[in-house]
Amino acid sequence: MEKLLTIFFYTDNQLVVSYASFINQVPCYFYTQSMVKSKVIYIHFDNLMSLNLQSHDKAQLSYKTRFSDGVGKS
């Protein structure tokens, strides 16, 4: 008989992820169960990486714009 263990508890608005599975792109062997009515929102790894690149580019542009003319320097 397979033994089931409770590994994590999460509260409202927390990210639920098997970090090692997600980063290494390998299967996760966890089951997820909600104790209350919940909404699941997900993003594919490739889409998340694309968003991260876009955000990083915008952050770099903002930083360069802010500091290129001496504004924001202390």
Protein backbone atom coordinates (compact mmCIF):
# COMPACT_ATOMS: atom_id res chain seq x y z
CA MET A 1 0.00 0.00 0.00
CA GLU A 2 1.29 3.44 -0.95
CA LYS A 3 1.75 5.81 1.98
CA LEU A 4 0.53 9.40 1.51
CA LEU A 5 2.23 12.19 3.43
CA THR A 6 1.30 15.82 3.94
CA ILE A 7 4.36 17.79 2.94
CA PHE A 8 3.20 21.41 2.65
CA PHE A 9 0.36 23.64 3.79
CA TYR A 10 -0.36 26.87 1.95
CA THR A 11 -2.56 29.84 2.81
CA ASP A 12 -4.47 32.23 0.54
CA ASN A 13 -2.65 33.64 -2.49
CA GLN A 14 0.50 31.58 -2.12
CA LEU A 15 2.36 30.07 -5.04
CA VAL A 16 2.14 26.29 -4.96
CA VAL A 17 4.98 24.68 -6.87
CA SER A 18 7.39 21.80 -6.74
CA TYR A 19 10.44 24.01 -7.20
CA ALA A 20 12.88 21.27 -8.22
CA SER A 21 10.40 19.79 -10.67
CA PHE A 22 9.62 23.16 -12.21
CA ILE A 23 13.20 24.42 -12.56
CA ASN A 24 14.65 21.11 -13.74
CA GLN A 25 11.61 20.32 -15.92
CA VAL A 26 11.16 16.83 -14.54
CA PRO A 27 7.95 15.16 -13.35
CA CYS A 28 6.65 15.93 -9.89
CA TYR A 29 5.24 13.12 -7.82
CA PHE A 30 3.21 15.31 -5.44
CA TYR A 31 -0.57 15.29 -5.33
CA THR A 32 -2.36 18.54 -4.61
CA GLN A 33 -5.57 18.69 -2.63
CA SER A 34 -7.55 21.76 -1.66
CA MET A 35 -9.47 21.84 1.58
CA VAL A 36 -11.68 24.73 0.37
CA LYS A 37 -13.04 25.86 -2.99
CA SER A 38 -10.03 27.18 -4.92
CA LYS A 39 -9.02 28.56 -8.28
CA VAL A 40 -5.96 27.15 -10.01
CA ILE A 41 -4.00 29.47 -12.26
CA TYR A 42 -1.02 28.06 -14.08
CA ILE A 43 1.67 29.13 -16.51
CA HIS A 44 3.80 26.95 -18.75
CA PHE A 45 7.54 27.09 -18.05
CA ASP A 46 8.35 28.48 -21.54
CA ASN A 47 5.82 31.28 -21.11
CA LEU A 48 7.21 32.17 -17.69
CA MET A 49 10.74 32.35 -19.09
CA SER A 50 9.49 34.61 -21.89
CA LEU A 51 7.81 36.92 -19.36
CA ASN A 52 10.97 36.99 -17.25
CA LEU A 53 13.04 38.05 -20.26
CA GLN A 54 10.56 40.79 -21.13
CA SER A 55 10.51 42.05 -17.54
CA HIS A 56 14.30 41.93 -17.33
CA ASP A 57 14.67 43.93 -20.56
CA LYS A 58 12.20 46.56 -19.31
CA ALA A 59 13.94 46.77 -15.95
CA GLN A 60 17.33 47.24 -17.63
CA LEU A 61 15.92 49.96 -19.92
CA SER A 62 14.35 51.74 -16.96
CA TYR A 63 17.61 51.55 -14.98
CA LYS A 64 19.71 52.80 -17.92
CA THR A 65 17.27 55.64 -18.59
CA ARG A 66 17.20 56.64 -14.93
CA PHE A 67 20.95 56.65 -14.36
CA SER A 68 22.35 57.59 -17.79
CA ASP A 69 21.92 61.36 -17.25
CA GLY A 70 22.87 61.46 -13.59
CA VAL A 71 19.29 61.43 -12.36
CA GLY A 72 18.85 59.16 -9.37
CA LYS A 73 22.50 59.15 -8.39
CA SER A 74 23.16 59.89 -4.78
